[in-house]
Structure formats: C-alpha cells, structure tokens
Amino acid sequence: MHGEISQQLLFKKLKNTVGEKDFINQLTIIFPISIAGIYRRINGETLLTIQEIIRLSKYFKISYNEMWSCYLY
C-alpha cells in the first residue's frame, strides 16, 4: 500500500509542475501504453516499473534522489 501512495505523490508533484492537461499529454509520449494504463499508474492501481521511473526522471529532468524521496516518505 505504501508504494501506491508514494506513486500518487510522485505523479501529483509532476502534475503540479506542468498542469494536468499537459501532464497527461506528456505521459502519452513517455509511456507507449493506453490512456487507461496511464490513469492506472496515476491512481496507484498499477505500480511503476523501474524502467518507467527512469523514463519519468529523464523526461522531467528530475534526479533519482528527488524521485525516490516520494517513495521514502
């Protein structure tokens, strides 16, 4: 359960930086999956893989430390 909440916090942080509409559009570029799959990740129903975390980090230019801080607290 902790992973789902942390993942939701990560997506909330990213969404606040770009706005919700742009955020969803950007996620469709980052992840070659369906919109439903993207929303499952945003809502914590599907956990991110390490590859997806790396893609987010590179795309949004966020350090791994910043990304992991959402998972640790």
N, C-alpha and C. Protein backbone atom coordinates (compact mmCIF):
# COMPACT_ATOMS: atom_id res chain seq x y z
N MET A 1 0.82 -1.20 0.00
CA MET A 1 0.00 0.00 0.00
C MET A 1 0.86 1.25 0.00
N HIS A 2 2.00 1.19 0.67
CA HIS A 2 2.88 2.37 0.72
C HIS A 2 3.32 2.78 -0.68
N GLY A 3 3.61 1.81 -1.54
CA GLY A 3 4.06 2.11 -2.89
C GLY A 3 3.02 2.87 -3.70
N GLU A 4 1.75 2.49 -3.54
CA GLU A 4 0.70 3.15 -4.29
C GLU A 4 0.57 4.62 -3.87
N ILE A 5 0.63 4.86 -2.56
CA ILE A 5 0.50 6.24 -2.06
C ILE A 5 1.70 7.07 -2.50
N SER A 6 2.89 6.51 -2.42
CA SER A 6 4.10 7.22 -2.83
C SER A 6 4.07 7.53 -4.32
N GLN A 7 3.57 6.59 -5.10
CA GLN A 7 3.48 6.80 -6.54
C GLN A 7 2.49 7.91 -6.84
N GLN A 8 1.38 7.95 -6.13
CA GLN A 8 0.41 9.02 -6.32
C GLN A 8 1.02 10.36 -5.96
N LEU A 9 1.83 10.41 -4.91
CA LEU A 9 2.51 11.66 -4.54
C LEU A 9 3.49 12.09 -5.62
N LEU A 10 4.20 11.14 -6.20
CA LEU A 10 5.13 11.45 -7.28
C LEU A 10 4.38 12.06 -8.46
N PHE A 11 3.29 11.43 -8.88
CA PHE A 11 2.53 11.96 -10.00
C PHE A 11 1.92 13.32 -9.68
N LYS A 12 1.49 13.51 -8.45
CA LYS A 12 0.94 14.81 -8.06
C LYS A 12 2.01 15.90 -8.17
N LYS A 13 3.21 15.58 -7.71
CA LYS A 13 4.32 16.53 -7.79
C LYS A 13 4.63 16.87 -9.24
N LEU A 14 4.70 15.86 -10.10
CA LEU A 14 4.98 16.10 -11.52
C LEU A 14 3.86 16.88 -12.18
N LYS A 15 2.62 16.54 -11.86
CA LYS A 15 1.47 17.22 -12.46
C LYS A 15 1.44 18.69 -12.08
N ASN A 16 1.82 19.01 -10.86
CA ASN A 16 1.84 20.40 -10.41
C ASN A 16 2.87 21.24 -11.15
N THR A 17 3.88 20.59 -11.71
CA THR A 17 4.91 21.34 -12.42
C THR A 17 4.49 21.71 -13.84
N VAL A 18 3.58 20.93 -14.44
CA VAL A 18 3.24 21.17 -15.85
C VAL A 18 1.75 21.41 -16.10
N GLY A 19 0.91 21.16 -15.14
CA GLY A 19 -0.53 21.29 -15.34
C GLY A 19 -1.13 19.97 -15.79
N GLU A 20 -2.39 19.73 -15.43
CA GLU A 20 -2.98 18.40 -15.65
C GLU A 20 -3.11 18.03 -17.12
N LYS A 21 -3.61 18.93 -17.95
CA LYS A 21 -3.81 18.60 -19.37
C LYS A 21 -2.48 18.28 -20.04
N ASP A 22 -1.50 19.14 -19.87
CA ASP A 22 -0.19 18.90 -20.45
C ASP A 22 0.45 17.65 -19.88
N PHE A 23 0.20 17.39 -18.61
CA PHE A 23 0.79 16.23 -17.94
C PHE A 23 0.33 14.93 -18.61
N ILE A 24 -0.96 14.79 -18.83
CA ILE A 24 -1.48 13.58 -19.47
C ILE A 24 -0.92 13.45 -20.89
N ASN A 25 -0.88 14.54 -21.62
CA ASN A 25 -0.30 14.51 -22.97
C ASN A 25 1.16 14.07 -22.95
N GLN A 26 1.91 14.57 -21.98
CA GLN A 26 3.31 14.21 -21.88
C GLN A 26 3.48 12.74 -21.50
N LEU A 27 2.61 12.24 -20.64
CA LEU A 27 2.70 10.83 -20.26
C LEU A 27 2.42 9.91 -21.44
N THR A 28 1.54 10.34 -22.36
CA THR A 28 1.29 9.51 -23.54
C THR A 28 2.53 9.44 -24.44
N ILE A 29 3.39 10.44 -24.35
CA ILE A 29 4.65 10.42 -25.09
C ILE A 29 5.67 9.53 -24.39
N ILE A 30 5.72 9.61 -23.07
CA ILE A 30 6.70 8.88 -22.28
C ILE A 30 6.42 7.38 -22.27
N PHE A 31 5.14 7.03 -22.07
CA PHE A 31 4.75 5.63 -21.93
C PHE A 31 3.98 5.15 -23.16
N PRO A 32 4.48 4.14 -23.84
CA PRO A 32 3.76 3.60 -25.00
C PRO A 32 2.65 2.63 -24.56
N ILE A 33 1.71 3.16 -23.78
CA ILE A 33 0.60 2.36 -23.26
C ILE A 33 -0.69 3.13 -23.46
N SER A 34 -1.80 2.49 -23.16
CA SER A 34 -3.10 3.12 -23.33
C SER A 34 -3.32 4.23 -22.29
N ILE A 35 -4.28 5.10 -22.57
CA ILE A 35 -4.65 6.15 -21.62
C ILE A 35 -5.13 5.50 -20.32
N ALA A 36 -5.88 4.40 -20.44
CA ALA A 36 -6.35 3.69 -19.24
C ALA A 36 -5.17 3.21 -18.41
N GLY A 37 -4.12 2.71 -19.06
CA GLY A 37 -2.92 2.27 -18.36
C GLY A 37 -2.21 3.42 -17.66
N ILE A 38 -2.21 4.56 -18.29
CA ILE A 38 -1.61 5.75 -17.68
C ILE A 38 -2.38 6.14 -16.43
N TYR A 39 -3.71 6.16 -16.53
CA TYR A 39 -4.52 6.51 -15.36
C TYR A 39 -4.39 5.48 -14.24
N ARG A 40 -4.21 4.21 -14.59
CA ARG A 40 -3.99 3.19 -13.55
C ARG A 40 -2.70 3.48 -12.79
N ARG A 41 -1.70 3.96 -13.48
CA ARG A 41 -0.44 4.31 -12.80
C ARG A 41 -0.61 5.57 -11.96
N ILE A 42 -1.30 6.56 -12.49
CA ILE A 42 -1.53 7.80 -11.73
C ILE A 42 -2.31 7.51 -10.46
N ASN A 43 -3.31 6.64 -10.55
CA ASN A 43 -4.16 6.32 -9.40
C ASN A 43 -3.56 5.28 -8.47
N GLY A 44 -2.41 4.73 -8.84
CA GLY A 44 -1.75 3.75 -7.98
C GLY A 44 -2.28 2.34 -8.12
N GLU A 45 -3.13 2.09 -9.10
CA GLU A 45 -3.67 0.74 -9.32
C GLU A 45 -2.61 -0.18 -9.92
N THR A 46 -1.70 0.40 -10.71
CA THR A 46 -0.57 -0.32 -11.30
C THR A 46 0.69 0.40 -10.87
N LEU A 47 1.61 -0.34 -10.27
CA LEU A 47 2.87 0.27 -9.84
C LEU A 47 3.79 0.50 -11.02
N LEU A 48 4.56 1.57 -10.95
CA LEU A 48 5.55 1.88 -11.98
C LEU A 48 6.67 0.85 -11.94
N THR A 49 7.18 0.50 -13.11
CA THR A 49 8.38 -0.33 -13.17
C THR A 49 9.59 0.58 -13.03
N ILE A 50 10.73 -0.01 -12.79
CA ILE A 50 11.95 0.80 -12.68
C ILE A 50 12.24 1.50 -14.01
N GLN A 51 11.93 0.86 -15.12
CA GLN A 51 12.13 1.49 -16.43
C GLN A 51 11.23 2.71 -16.58
N GLU A 52 10.00 2.63 -16.10
CA GLU A 52 9.09 3.77 -16.19
C GLU A 52 9.55 4.91 -15.29
N ILE A 53 10.08 4.58 -14.13
CA ILE A 53 10.61 5.61 -13.23
C ILE A 53 11.79 6.32 -13.89
N ILE A 54 12.65 5.55 -14.55
CA ILE A 54 13.80 6.14 -15.24
C ILE A 54 13.33 7.05 -16.37
N ARG A 55 12.33 6.63 -17.12
CA ARG A 55 11.79 7.46 -18.20
C ARG A 55 11.24 8.78 -17.65
N LEU A 56 10.49 8.70 -16.55
CA LEU A 56 9.95 9.92 -15.93
C LEU A 56 11.08 10.85 -15.50
N SER A 57 12.10 10.27 -14.88
CA SER A 57 13.22 11.06 -14.40
C SER A 57 13.92 11.79 -15.54
N LYS A 58 14.17 11.07 -16.63
CA LYS A 58 14.85 11.69 -17.77
C LYS A 58 13.97 12.73 -18.46
N TYR A 59 12.71 12.41 -18.65
CA TYR A 59 11.82 13.32 -19.38
C TYR A 59 11.60 14.62 -18.60
N PHE A 60 11.34 14.51 -17.30
CA PHE A 60 11.06 15.70 -16.48
C PHE A 60 12.31 16.30 -15.86
N LYS A 61 13.47 15.69 -16.18
CA LYS A 61 14.76 16.19 -15.67
C LYS A 61 14.74 16.32 -14.14
N ILE A 62 14.33 15.24 -13.52
CA ILE A 62 14.28 15.17 -12.06
C ILE A 62 15.30 14.12 -11.62
N SER A 63 16.09 14.45 -10.63
CA SER A 63 17.11 13.50 -10.17
C SER A 63 16.45 12.28 -9.53
N TYR A 64 17.20 11.19 -9.53
CA TYR A 64 16.69 9.97 -8.90
C TYR A 64 16.42 10.21 -7.42
N ASN A 65 17.26 11.04 -6.78
CA ASN A 65 17.04 11.33 -5.35
C ASN A 65 15.69 11.99 -5.13
N GLU A 66 15.33 12.93 -5.99
CA GLU A 66 14.01 13.57 -5.87
C GLU A 66 12.89 12.57 -6.10
N MET A 67 13.09 11.71 -7.09
CA MET A 67 12.07 10.70 -7.38
C MET A 67 11.90 9.75 -6.21
N TRP A 68 13.01 9.28 -5.67
CA TRP A 68 12.93 8.30 -4.58
C TRP A 68 12.43 8.94 -3.29
N SER A 69 12.61 10.24 -3.13
CA SER A 69 12.12 10.88 -1.89
C SER A 69 10.61 10.74 -1.79
N CYS A 70 9.91 10.68 -2.91
CA CYS A 70 8.46 10.47 -2.89
C CYS A 70 8.14 9.07 -2.41
N TYR A 71 9.05 8.12 -2.63
CA TYR A 71 8.83 6.75 -2.22
C TYR A 71 9.23 6.49 -0.78
N LEU A 72 10.10 7.34 -0.24
CA LEU A 72 10.63 7.08 1.10
C LEU A 72 9.81 7.74 2.20
N TYR A 73 9.05 8.77 1.89
CA TYR A 73 8.34 9.49 2.95
C TYR A 73 6.86 9.37 2.78
